[in-house]
C-alpha atoms as a PDB file:
ATOM      1  CA  MET A   1     -26.125  15.214 -12.152  1.00  0.00           C
ATOM      2  CA  PRO A   2     -23.020  16.263 -10.530  1.00  0.00           C
ATOM      3  CA  SER A   3     -21.855  19.870 -10.707  1.00  0.00           C
ATOM      4  CA  VAL A   4     -18.652  20.743 -12.624  1.00  0.00           C
ATOM      5  CA  PRO A   5     -17.263  24.480 -11.699  1.00  0.00           C
ATOM      6  CA  GLY A   6     -18.423  26.600 -14.219  1.00  0.00           C
ATOM      7  CA  PHE A   7     -20.822  24.823 -16.042  1.00  0.00           C
ATOM      8  CA  SER A   8     -24.448  24.603 -15.320  1.00  0.00           C
ATOM      9  CA  SER A   9     -26.279  21.247 -15.778  1.00  0.00           C
ATOM     10  CA  PHE A  10     -27.914  22.132 -19.305  1.00  0.00           C
ATOM     11  CA  ASP A  11     -24.245  23.036 -20.261  1.00  0.00           C
ATOM     12  CA  LEU A  12     -22.843  19.235 -19.343  1.00  0.00           C
ATOM     13  CA  VAL A  13     -25.676  17.762 -21.165  1.00  0.00           C
ATOM     14  CA  ASP A  14     -24.686  19.363 -24.227  1.00  0.00           C
ATOM     15  CA  ILE A  15     -21.252  18.482 -23.880  1.00  0.00           C
ATOM     16  CA  HIS A  16     -22.340  14.883 -23.300  1.00  0.00           C
ATOM     17  CA  ASP A  17     -23.854  14.921 -26.112  1.00  0.00           C
ATOM     18  CA  LYS A  18     -21.537  16.393 -28.246  1.00  0.00           C
ATOM     19  CA  ILE A  19     -18.526  13.859 -26.782  1.00  0.00           C
ATOM     20  CA  ALA A  20     -21.040  10.696 -27.438  1.00  0.00           C
ATOM     21  CA  ARG A  21     -21.723  11.935 -31.248  1.00  0.00           C
ATOM     22  CA  ASP A  22     -17.860  12.467 -31.813  1.00  0.00           C
ATOM     23  CA  TYR A  23     -17.108   9.079 -30.236  1.00  0.00           C
ATOM     24  CA  GLU A  24     -19.622   7.294 -31.737  1.00  0.00           C
ATOM     25  CA  ARG A  25     -18.302   8.512 -35.492  1.00  0.00           C
ATOM     26  CA  ILE A  26     -14.385   7.960 -34.153  1.00  0.00           C
ATOM     27  CA  PHE A  27     -15.535   4.107 -33.263  1.00  0.00           C
ATOM     28  CA  GLU A  28     -17.431   3.151 -36.249  1.00  0.00           C
ATOM     29  CA  GLN A  29     -14.215   4.417 -38.434  1.00  0.00           C
ATOM     30  CA  ASP A  30     -11.721   2.512 -36.445  1.00  0.00           C
ATOM     31  CA  GLY A  31     -14.289  -0.738 -36.651  1.00  0.00           C
ATOM     32  CA  TYR A  32     -15.568  -1.193 -33.536  1.00  0.00           C
ATOM     33  CA  GLY A  33     -18.828  -3.714 -33.131  1.00  0.00           C
ATOM     34  CA  ARG A  34     -21.351  -2.841 -30.715  1.00  0.00           C
ATOM     35  CA  THR A  35     -20.989   0.506 -30.927  1.00  0.00           C
ATOM     36  CA  ASP A  36     -24.455   1.551 -29.273  1.00  0.00           C
ATOM     37  CA  ALA A  37     -23.357  -0.208 -26.263  1.00  0.00           C
ATOM     38  CA  ARG A  38     -19.817   1.579 -26.047  1.00  0.00           C
ATOM     39  CA  ILE A  39     -21.524   4.888 -26.187  1.00  0.00           C
ATOM     40  CA  ASP A  40     -24.066   3.815 -23.509  1.00  0.00           C
ATOM     41  CA  LEU A  41     -21.021   2.949 -21.208  1.00  0.00           C
ATOM     42  CA  LEU A  42     -19.177   6.066 -22.285  1.00  0.00           C
ATOM     43  CA  ARG A  43     -22.477   8.329 -21.099  1.00  0.00           C
ATOM     44  CA  ALA A  44     -22.623   6.726 -17.838  1.00  0.00           C
ATOM     45  CA  VAL A  45     -18.813   7.624 -17.569  1.00  0.00           C
ATOM     46  CA  LEU A  46     -19.329  11.145 -18.149  1.00  0.00           C
ATOM     47  CA  ARG A  47     -22.323  11.320 -15.915  1.00  0.00           C
ATOM     48  CA  ARG A  48     -20.190  10.249 -12.945  1.00  0.00           C
ATOM     49  CA  GLU A  49     -17.524  12.667 -10.991  1.00  0.00           C
ATOM     50  CA  GLY A  50     -14.882  10.641  -8.869  1.00  0.00           C
ATOM     51  CA  HIS A  51     -13.170   7.617  -9.229  1.00  0.00           C
ATOM     52  CA  PHE A  52     -15.019   4.269 -10.156  1.00  0.00           C
ATOM     53  CA  THR A  53     -14.426   0.668 -10.749  1.00  0.00           C
ATOM     54  CA  VAL A  54     -15.464  -2.124 -13.439  1.00  0.00           C
ATOM     55  CA  GLU A  55     -18.124  -3.140 -10.945  1.00  0.00           C
ATOM     56  CA  GLU A  56     -19.540  -0.210  -9.840  1.00  0.00           C
ATOM     57  CA  ILE A  57     -19.854   1.528 -13.527  1.00  0.00           C
ATOM     58  CA  ILE A  58     -21.696  -1.682 -14.470  1.00  0.00           C
ATOM     59  CA  GLY A  59     -24.175  -0.819 -11.518  1.00  0.00           C
ATOM     60  CA  ASP A  60     -25.281   2.287 -12.731  1.00  0.00           C
ATOM     61  CA  LEU A  61     -25.873   0.853 -16.542  1.00  0.00           C
ATOM     62  CA  ARG A  62     -27.855  -2.066 -14.595  1.00  0.00           C
ATOM     63  CA  ARG A  63     -29.988   0.594 -12.854  1.00  0.00           C
ATOM     64  CA  ALA A  64     -30.434   2.369 -15.818  1.00  0.00           C
ATOM     65  CA  GLY A  65     -31.970  -0.416 -17.782  1.00  0.00           C
ATOM     66  CA  ARG A  66     -28.801  -1.028 -20.056  1.00  0.00           C
ATOM     67  CA  PRO A  67     -26.919  -4.491 -18.090  1.00  0.00           C
ATOM     68  CA  MET A  68     -23.579  -4.919 -19.652  1.00  0.00           C
ATOM     69  CA  GLU A  69     -21.321  -8.000 -19.343  1.00  0.00           C
ATOM     70  CA  SER A  70     -18.132  -7.684 -17.207  1.00  0.00           C
ATOM     71  CA  GLY A  71     -15.457  -8.793 -19.975  1.00  0.00           C
ATOM     72  CA  PHE A  72     -17.289  -5.893 -22.348  1.00  0.00           C
ATOM     73  CA  ALA A  73     -16.829  -3.195 -20.035  1.00  0.00           C
ATOM     74  CA  SER A  74     -13.422  -3.970 -19.195  1.00  0.00           C
ATOM     75  CA  GLU A  75     -12.246  -3.837 -22.740  1.00  0.00           C
ATOM     76  CA  THR A  76     -14.352  -0.967 -23.662  1.00  0.00           C
ATOM     77  CA  LEU A  77     -13.060   1.393 -20.575  1.00  0.00           C
ATOM     78  CA  GLU A  78      -9.222   0.213 -21.780  1.00  0.00           C
ATOM     79  CA  SER A  79      -9.755   1.066 -25.174  1.00  0.00           C
ATOM     80  CA  PHE A  80     -11.450   4.777 -23.854  1.00  0.00           C
ATOM     81  CA  VAL A  81      -7.967   5.060 -21.739  1.00  0.00           C
ATOM     82  CA  HIS A  82      -6.436   4.715 -25.344  1.00  0.00           C
ATOM     83  CA  TYR A  83      -8.671   7.267 -26.243  1.00  0.00           C
ATOM     84  CA  GLY A  84      -8.181   9.716 -23.812  1.00  0.00           C
ATOM     85  CA  LEU A  85     -11.766   9.587 -22.378  1.00  0.00           C
ATOM     86  CA  VAL A  86     -10.527   8.387 -18.975  1.00  0.00           C
ATOM     87  CA  TRP A  87      -7.436   7.868 -16.501  1.00  0.00           C
ATOM     88  CA  ALA A  88      -6.936   4.569 -14.998  1.00  0.00           C
ATOM     89  CA  ILE A  89      -5.460   4.594 -11.924  1.00  0.00           C
ATOM     90  CA  ARG A  90      -3.751   1.017 -10.920  1.00  0.00           C
ATOM     91  CA  THR A  91      -2.533  -0.204  -7.676  1.00  0.00           C
ATOM     92  CA  ASP A  92      -1.574  -3.514  -5.976  1.00  0.00           C
ATOM     93  CA  ASP A  93      -3.963  -5.623  -4.935  1.00  0.00           C
ATOM     94  CA  GLN A  94      -7.115  -3.184  -5.662  1.00  0.00           C
ATOM     95  CA  PRO A  95      -9.302  -3.135  -8.888  1.00  0.00           C
ATOM     96  CA  VAL A  96      -8.329  -0.723 -11.234  1.00  0.00           C
ATOM     97  CA  ARG A  97      -9.834   2.846 -10.773  1.00  0.00           C
ATOM     98  CA  TYR A  98     -11.123   5.007 -13.554  1.00  0.00           C
ATOM     99  CA  GLU A  99     -11.924   8.484 -13.716  1.00  0.00           C
ATOM    100  CA  HIS A 100     -13.475  10.650 -16.493  1.00  0.00           C
ATOM    101  CA  VAL A 101     -10.589  13.001 -17.993  1.00  0.00           C
ATOM    102  CA  HIS A 102     -11.944  16.849 -17.896  1.00  0.00           C
ATOM    103  CA  LEU A 103     -10.241  18.957 -20.838  1.00  0.00           C
ATOM    104  CA  LEU A 104      -8.057  21.757 -19.259  1.00  0.00           C
ATOM    105  CA  ARG A 105      -8.759  20.397 -15.825  1.00  0.00           C
ATOM    106  CA  HIS A 106      -5.325  19.328 -13.866  1.00  0.00           C
ATOM    107  CA  HIS A 107      -5.230  17.226 -10.603  1.00  0.00           C
ATOM    108  CA  ASP A 108      -2.970  14.504  -9.064  1.00  0.00           C
ATOM    109  CA  HIS A 109      -3.698  11.834  -6.694  1.00  0.00           C
ATOM    110  CA  VAL A 110      -2.268  10.337  -3.896  1.00  0.00           C
ATOM    111  CA  ILE A 111      -3.425   6.794  -2.950  1.00  0.00           C
ATOM    112  CA  CYS A 112      -2.946   4.457  -0.190  1.00  0.00           C
ATOM    113  CA  VAL A 113      -0.775   1.723  -0.456  1.00  0.00           C
ATOM    114  CA  ARG A 114      -2.725  -0.621   2.659  1.00  0.00           C
ATOM    115  CA  CYS A 115      -6.240   0.258   1.681  1.00  0.00           C
ATOM    116  CA  GLY A 116      -6.419   1.795  -1.923  1.00  0.00           C
ATOM    117  CA  ARG A 117      -7.986   5.083  -0.886  1.00  0.00           C
ATOM    118  CA  ILE A 118      -7.789   7.691  -3.105  1.00  0.00           C
ATOM    119  CA  SER A 119      -7.805  11.396  -2.762  1.00  0.00           C
ATOM    120  CA  GLU A 120      -7.392  14.583  -5.415  1.00  0.00           C
ATOM    121  CA  ILE A 121      -4.701  17.048  -4.821  1.00  0.00           C
ATOM    122  CA  ASP A 122      -4.131  20.015  -6.295  1.00  0.00           C
ATOM    123  CA  LEU A 123      -0.355  21.186  -5.637  1.00  0.00           C
ATOM    124  CA  PRO A 124       1.915  23.765  -7.110  1.00  0.00           C
ATOM    125  CA  MET A 125       3.336  21.302  -9.542  1.00  0.00           C
ATOM    126  CA  ARG A 126       2.844  23.774 -12.876  1.00  0.00           C
ATOM    127  CA  GLN A 127       6.891  24.556 -12.740  1.00  0.00           C
ATOM    128  CA  TRP A 128       8.029  20.709 -12.652  1.00  0.00           C
ATOM    129  CA  PRO A 129       7.084  20.152 -16.606  1.00  0.00           C
ATOM    130  CA  ARG A 130       9.004  23.478 -17.085  1.00  0.00           C
ATOM    131  CA  HIS A 131      12.281  21.760 -15.076  1.00  0.00           C
ATOM    132  CA  VAL A 132      11.955  18.935 -16.838  1.00  0.00           C
ATOM    133  CA  GLU A 133      11.860  20.384 -20.175  1.00  0.00           C
ATOM    134  CA  GLN A 134      15.252  22.342 -18.918  1.00  0.00           C
ATOM    135  CA  THR A 135      17.031  18.790 -17.661  1.00  0.00           C
ATOM    136  CA  THR A 136      15.833  16.546 -20.325  1.00  0.00           C
ATOM    137  CA  GLY A 137      15.010  18.471 -23.496  1.00  0.00           C
ATOM    138  CA  PHE A 138      11.762  16.931 -23.777  1.00  0.00           C
ATOM    139  CA  ARG A 139       8.783  18.884 -24.551  1.00  0.00           C
ATOM    140  CA  ILE A 140       6.358  17.816 -21.668  1.00  0.00           C
ATOM    141  CA  LEU A 141       2.424  17.361 -23.126  1.00  0.00           C
ATOM    142  CA  GLN A 142       0.539  15.888 -20.413  1.00  0.00           C
ATOM    143  CA  GLY A 143       0.733  13.901 -17.624  1.00  0.00           C
ATOM    144  CA  GLN A 144      -0.689  12.915 -14.145  1.00  0.00           C
ATOM    145  CA  THR A 145       0.887  12.846 -10.786  1.00  0.00           C
ATOM    146  CA  GLN A 146       0.104   9.843  -8.567  1.00  0.00           C
ATOM    147  CA  LEU A 147       1.706   9.701  -5.266  1.00  0.00           C
ATOM    148  CA  ARG A 148       1.448   6.628  -3.103  1.00  0.00           C
ATOM    149  CA  GLY A 149       1.428   6.662   0.932  1.00  0.00           C
ATOM    150  CA  LEU A 150      -0.757   5.563   4.039  1.00  0.00           C
ATOM    151  CA  CYS A 151      -3.636   7.381   4.729  1.00  0.00           C
ATOM    152  CA  PRO A 152      -4.885   8.824   7.997  1.00  0.00           C
ATOM    153  CA  GLN A 153      -7.466   5.930   8.477  1.00  0.00           C
ATOM    154  CA  CYS A 154      -4.447   2.964   8.188  1.00  0.00           C
ATOM    155  CA  LEU A 155      -1.872   5.347  10.534  1.00  0.00           C
ATOM    156  CA  SER A 156      -4.421   5.787  13.179  1.00  0.00           C
ATOM    157  CA  GLY A 157      -4.721   2.331  14.308  1.00  0.00           C
ATOM    158  CA  ARG A 158      -1.244   1.080  14.115  1.00  0.00           C
ATOM    159  CA  PRO A 159       1.157   1.468  16.954  1.00  0.00           C
ATOM    160  CA  ALA A 160       4.562   2.818  17.323  1.00  0.00           C
ATOM    161  CA  VAL A 161       6.097  -0.730  16.869  1.00  0.00           C
ATOM    162  CA  PHE A 162       3.947  -2.966  14.682  1.00  0.00           C
ATOM    163  CA  ALA A 163       4.626  -6.135  12.544  1.00  0.00           C
ATOM    164  CA  LEU A 164       6.124  -6.424   9.597  1.00  0.00           C
ATOM    165  CA  SER A 165       2.667  -7.471   7.744  1.00  0.00           C
ATOM    166  CA  SER A 166       1.157  -4.230   8.598  1.00  0.00           C
ATOM    167  CA  ALA A 167       3.969  -2.038   6.580  1.00  0.00           C
ATOM    168  CA  GLY A 168       3.070  -0.824   3.207  1.00  0.00           C
ATOM    169  CA  VAL A 169       4.980  -0.988   0.293  1.00  0.00           C
ATOM    170  CA  GLY A 170       7.715   1.402  -0.025  1.00  0.00           C
ATOM    171  CA  GLU A 171       7.896   1.855   3.383  1.00  0.00           C
ATOM    172  CA  GLU A 172      11.341   2.646   5.172  1.00  0.00           C
ATOM    173  CA  LEU A 173      11.476   0.388   8.556  1.00  0.00           C
ATOM    174  CA  HIS A 174      14.007  -0.954  10.934  1.00  0.00           C
ATOM    175  CA  VAL A 175      13.715  -4.248  12.649  1.00  0.00           C
ATOM    176  CA  VAL A 176      12.870  -3.961  16.631  1.00  0.00           C
ATOM    177  CA  GLY A 177      12.402  -7.643  17.228  1.00  0.00           C
ATOM    178  CA  MET A 178      12.336 -10.893  15.821  1.00  0.00           C
ATOM    179  CA  GLU A 179      10.134 -13.846  17.351  1.00  0.00           C
ATOM    180  CA  LEU A 180      11.809 -16.663  15.573  1.00  0.00           C
ATOM    181  CA  GLU A 181      14.297 -19.389  16.205  1.00  0.00           C
ATOM    182  CA  GLY A 182      15.870 -22.445  15.038  1.00  0.00           C
ATOM    183  CA  GLU A 183      16.550 -22.846  11.549  1.00  0.00           C
ATOM    184  CA  GLU A 184      14.291 -20.225  10.487  1.00  0.00           C
ATOM    185  CA  LEU A 185      16.025 -17.500  12.440  1.00  0.00           C
ATOM    186  CA  LYS A 186      19.692 -18.724  11.251  1.00  0.00           C
ATOM    187  CA  ARG A 187      18.493 -18.708   7.737  1.00  0.00           C
ATOM    188  CA  LEU A 188      16.809 -15.130   7.803  1.00  0.00           C
ATOM    189  CA  THR A 189      19.849 -13.714  10.399  1.00  0.00           C
ATOM    190  CA  GLY A 190      22.453 -14.722   7.946  1.00  0.00           C
ATOM    191  CA  MET A 191      20.657 -13.105   5.423  1.00  0.00           C
ATOM    192  CA  GLY A 192      20.727 -10.199   7.035  1.00  0.00           C
ATOM    193  CA  LEU A 193      17.049  -9.890   8.570  1.00  0.00           C
ATOM    194  CA  ARG A 194      18.182  -9.136  12.317  1.00  0.00           C
ATOM    195  CA  LYS A 195      17.518  -6.651  15.089  1.00  0.00           C
ATOM    196  CA  GLY A 196      18.554  -2.715  13.784  1.00  0.00           C
ATOM    197  CA  ALA A 197      18.659  -3.893  10.033  1.00  0.00           C
ATOM    198  CA  ARG A 198      16.826  -1.503   7.871  1.00  0.00           C
ATOM    199  CA  VAL A 199      13.998  -3.050   6.059  1.00  0.00           C
ATOM    200  CA  GLU A 200      11.941  -1.575   2.909  1.00  0.00           C
ATOM    201  CA  VAL A 201       8.651  -3.513   1.718  1.00  0.00           C
ATOM    202  CA  LEU A 202       9.193  -3.996  -1.911  1.00  0.00           C
ATOM    203  CA  CYS A 203       6.264  -5.543  -2.878  1.00  0.00           C
ATOM    204  CA  VAL A 204       2.987  -7.296  -0.923  1.00  0.00           C
ATOM    205  CA  ASN A 205       1.198 -10.498  -1.577  1.00  0.00           C
ATOM    206  CA  SER A 206      -1.776 -10.659   0.812  1.00  0.00           C
ATOM    207  CA  ASP A 207      -1.846 -14.285   1.052  1.00  0.00           C
ATOM    208  CA  ALA A 208       1.625 -15.491   0.038  1.00  0.00           C
ATOM    209  CA  GLY A 209       3.522 -12.881   2.024  1.00  0.00           C
ATOM    210  CA  ALA A 210       6.062 -10.267   0.563  1.00  0.00           C
ATOM    211  CA  ILE A 211       9.363  -9.188  -1.126  1.00  0.00           C
ATOM    212  CA  ILE A 212      11.431  -6.876   1.255  1.00  0.00           C
ATOM    213  CA  ALA A 213      14.790  -5.421   0.754  1.00  0.00           C
ATOM    214  CA  VAL A 214      17.330  -5.783   3.508  1.00  0.00           C
ATOM    215  CA  ASP A 215      19.987  -3.395   2.839  1.00  0.00           C
ATOM    216  CA  GLN A 216      21.497  -4.554  -0.745  1.00  0.00           C
ATOM    217  CA  SER A 217      19.744  -7.825  -0.369  1.00  0.00           C
ATOM    218  CA  ARG A 218      16.094  -8.987  -1.331  1.00  0.00           C
ATOM    219  CA  ILE A 219      14.428 -11.506   0.504  1.00  0.00           C
ATOM    220  CA  ALA A 220      11.006 -13.357   0.059  1.00  0.00           C
ATOM    221  CA  VAL A 221       9.554 -13.645   3.613  1.00  0.00           C
ATOM    222  CA  ASN A 222       6.106 -15.474   4.159  1.00  0.00           C
ATOM    223  CA  ARG A 223       2.632 -14.091   5.889  1.00  0.00           C
ATOM    224  CA  GLY A 224       3.726 -16.127   8.888  1.00  0.00           C
ATOM    225  CA  VAL A 225       7.333 -14.594   9.510  1.00  0.00           C
ATOM    226  CA  MET A 226       6.043 -11.171   8.510  1.00  0.00           C
ATOM    227  CA  GLU A 227       3.602 -11.498  11.582  1.00  0.00           C
ATOM    228  CA  ARG A 228       6.671 -12.370  14.079  1.00  0.00           C
ATOM    229  CA  VAL A 229       9.278  -9.802  12.834  1.00  0.00           C
ATOM    230  CA  SER A 230       8.367  -6.215  15.006  1.00  0.00           C
ATOM    231  CA  VAL A 231       9.640  -3.059  13.101  1.00  0.00           C
ATOM    232  CA  ARG A 232       9.229   0.559  13.576  1.00  0.00           C
ATOM    233  CA  ALA A 233       8.585   3.185  10.895  1.00  0.00           C
ATOM    234  CA  GLY A 234      11.610   5.502   9.944  1.00  0.00           C
ATOM    235  CA  ARG A 235      15.253   5.233  10.068  1.00  0.00           C
ATOM    236  CA  LEU A 236      17.471   4.341  12.831  1.00  0.00           C
ATOM    237  CA  PRO A 237      18.889   7.301  15.210  1.00  0.00           C
ATOM    238  CA  GLU A 238      22.451   8.489  13.566  1.00  0.00           C
ATOM    239  CA  ALA A 239      24.789   5.938  14.661  1.00  0.00           C
ATOM    240  CA  ALA A 240      28.043   8.308  15.539  1.00  0.00           C
ATOM    241  CA  GLY A 241      26.917   8.929  18.713  1.00  0.00           C
ATOM    242  CA  ARG A 242      25.236   5.727  20.161  1.00  0.00           C
ATOM    243  CA  ARG A 243      27.431   4.200  22.707  1.00  0.00           C
ATOM    244  CA  GLY A 244      29.641   1.598  21.403  1.00  0.00           C
ATOM    245  CA  VAL A 245      29.811   2.188  18.238  1.00  0.00           C
ATOM    246  CA  VAL A 246      33.562   2.660  16.403  1.00  0.00           C
ATOM    247  CA  PRO A 247      34.785   3.056  13.396  1.00  0.00           C
ATOM    248  CA  LEU A 248      35.931  -0.487  11.704  1.00  0.00           C
ATOM    249  CA  THR A 249      39.478   0.946  12.402  1.00  0.00           C
ATOM    250  CA  GLY A 250      38.985   0.363  16.153  1.00  0.00           C
ATOM    251  CA  LEU A 251      37.932  -2.868  15.792  1.00  0.00           C
ATOM    252  CA  GLY A 252      41.021  -4.814  15.974  1.00  0.00           C
ATOM    253  CA  VAL A 253      42.589  -7.698  14.384  1.00  0.00           C
ATOM    254  CA  GLY A 254      40.522 -11.347  15.377  1.00  0.00           C
ATOM    255  CA  ARG A 255      37.102  -9.655  16.374  1.00  0.00           C
ATOM    256  CA  SER A 256      33.897  -8.993  14.721  1.00  0.00           C
ATOM    257  CA  GLY A 257      31.133  -6.227  14.738  1.00  0.00           C
ATOM    258  CA  ARG A 258      28.116  -5.509  13.002  1.00  0.00           C
ATOM    259  CA  ILE A 259      28.128  -2.867  10.525  1.00  0.00           C
ATOM    260  CA  VAL A 260      25.360   0.047  11.735  1.00  0.00           C
ATOM    261  CA  ARG A 261      26.269   2.634   9.246  1.00  0.00           C
ATOM    262  CA  VAL A 262      28.322   3.351   6.002  1.00  0.00           C
ATOM    263  CA  CYS A 263      29.388   7.050   6.051  1.00  0.00           C
ATOM    264  CA  GLY A 264      30.453   9.407   2.994  1.00  0.00           C
ATOM    265  CA  HIS A 265      28.752   9.622  -0.278  1.00  0.00           C
ATOM    266  CA  GLY A 266      29.348   9.116  -4.047  1.00  0.00           C
ATOM    267  CA  PRO A 267      31.226   6.316  -5.602  1.00  0.00           C
ATOM    268  CA  THR A 268      33.834   5.324  -2.910  1.00  0.00           C
ATOM    269  CA  ARG A 269      30.404   4.521  -0.652  1.00  0.00           C
ATOM    270  CA  HIS A 270      28.557   3.008  -3.884  1.00  0.00           C
ATOM    271  CA  ARG A 271      31.682   0.381  -4.309  1.00  0.00           C
ATOM    272  CA  LEU A 272      31.826  -0.201  -0.373  1.00  0.00           C
ATOM    273  CA  LEU A 273      28.312  -1.579  -0.726  1.00  0.00           C
ATOM    274  CA  GLU A 274      28.642  -3.465  -3.703  1.00  0.00           C
ATOM    275  CA  MET A 275      31.665  -5.067  -2.033  1.00  0.00           C
ATOM    276  CA  GLY A 276      28.800  -6.216   0.754  1.00  0.00           C
ATOM    277  CA  ILE A 277      29.509  -3.584   3.227  1.00  0.00           C
ATOM    278  CA  THR A 278      26.124  -2.788   4.041  1.00  0.00           C
ATOM    279  CA  ARG A 279      24.405  -1.840   7.356  1.00  0.00           C
ATOM    280  CA  GLY A 280      23.438  -5.173   9.276  1.00  0.00           C
ATOM    281  CA  ALA A 281      26.335  -7.184   8.251  1.00  0.00           C
ATOM    282  CA  THR A 282      29.145  -8.826  10.306  1.00  0.00           C
ATOM    283  CA  VAL A 283      32.344  -7.941   9.394  1.00  0.00           C
ATOM    284  CA  PHE A 284      35.601  -9.759  10.870  1.00  0.00           C
ATOM    285  CA  VAL A 285      39.030  -8.131  10.922  1.00  0.00           C
ATOM    286  CA  GLU A 286      41.368 -10.564   9.644  1.00  0.00           C
ATOM    287  CA  ARG A 287      44.620  -8.689   9.828  1.00  0.00           C
ATOM    288  CA  VAL A 288      46.153  -5.230   9.288  1.00  0.00           C
ATOM    289  CA  ALA A 289      49.294  -4.136   7.117  1.00  0.00           C
ATOM    290  CA  PRO A 290      52.440  -3.036   9.345  1.00  0.00           C
ATOM    291  CA  LEU A 291      51.540   0.437   8.404  1.00  0.00           C
ATOM    292  CA  GLY A 292      47.820   0.033   9.132  1.00  0.00           C
ATOM    293  CA  ASP A 293      46.778   0.270   5.444  1.00  0.00           C
ATOM    294  CA  PRO A 294      45.042  -1.592   4.257  1.00  0.00           C
ATOM    295  CA  ILE A 295      43.001  -3.686   6.401  1.00  0.00           C
ATOM    296  CA  GLU A 296      41.816  -7.019   5.392  1.00  0.00           C
ATOM    297  CA  VAL A 297      38.518  -8.363   6.329  1.00  0.00           C
ATOM    298  CA  THR A 298      35.846 -10.809   6.077  1.00  0.00           C
ATOM    299  CA  VAL A 299      31.889 -10.078   5.285  1.00  0.00           C
ATOM    300  CA  LYS A 300      29.087 -12.538   4.031  1.00  0.00           C
ATOM    301  CA  GLY A 301      31.874 -15.148   3.437  1.00  0.00           C
ATOM    302  CA  TYR A 302      34.106 -12.921   0.729  1.00  0.00           C
ATOM    303  CA  TYR A 303      37.661 -11.641   2.072  1.00  0.00           C
ATOM    304  CA  LEU A 304      38.415  -8.250   1.094  1.00  0.00           C
ATOM    305  CA  ALA A 305      41.183  -5.602   1.791  1.00  0.00           C
ATOM    306  CA  ILE A 306      40.092  -2.332   2.536  1.00  0.00           C
ATOM    307  CA  ARG A 307      41.941   1.152   2.626  1.00  0.00           C
ATOM    308  CA  LYS A 308      42.150   2.785   6.084  1.00  0.00           C
ATOM    309  CA  GLU A 309      40.883   5.994   4.714  1.00  0.00           C
ATOM    310  CA  GLU A 310      37.432   3.758   3.922  1.00  0.00           C
ATOM    311  CA  ALA A 311      37.444   1.790   7.207  1.00  0.00           C
ATOM    312  CA  SER A 312      37.304   4.870   9.192  1.00  0.00           C
ATOM    313  CA  ARG A 313      33.962   5.610   7.605  1.00  0.00           C
ATOM    314  CA  ILE A 314      32.770   2.109   8.116  1.00  0.00           C
ATOM    315  CA  LEU A 315      30.964   2.349  11.687  1.00  0.00           C
ATOM    316  CA  VAL A 316      30.930  -1.095  13.443  1.00  0.00           C
ATOM    317  CA  GLU A 317      29.346  -2.228  16.731  1.00  0.00           C
ATOM    318  CA  PRO A 318      31.320  -4.149  18.335  1.00  0.00           C
END
């Protein structure tokens, strides 16, 4: 039997027996059928330490001479979640993992979005509930933190420049190359997917492809496209010091450029982004008012008038 700090094996047997007796009574009171089978599953869960799937716990029962069908085990484990007996850890494209909840023993998890690997973490997060209570007025009773990222094993085999198909959900990237041509290239470029564009993977379907965010747009791309788009993790270097980058005010009438950065913050920047002034978009200067304010431009097929002060915060590459 696995060890738990502060308890002997005999202590754990007594504790597990008491939990089983308590919940046998609760299951009967709540009108659940097959109480004996549910208690068998509960005892198997209590004997386990760490994370497990439905199939793994069914394997434990089978080896103990108490076979159980998968559907019944899944339904019963979800009821255990409701009763506070187990945590359920849910990830994309991975089976649900469960873990026995130990009273007065708190820990959190970090989960790899590529392979589903789970590691337990013990971070100094005790002050978070107090901060949340102070800022929201809630009284925090319980919770569990689940952080998502890429584990060392998934990162170690990945080069600095890699195919978009190797990216993880939530990863921020920028495009460094595209092996596309014809109408496919034209269509995706028109939607903002081009060299230098900032991309975030929103969700992945291992067979069909993914939904990605390109600046303020969301695009569905198939697996074949993802394998032909090369990306690098992280943000592009700061644009202000790059050769050839100028503010929109310096572009000139009749000229176009690719937006590489929208500087500033707050409502003004958000309004520009909502108008389509986003990184990677092409902007064309139609004309400038006699005193230089406003500047009239075309972006993504829309005609806009932008104040000179706002235009000075938009950096473009002619």
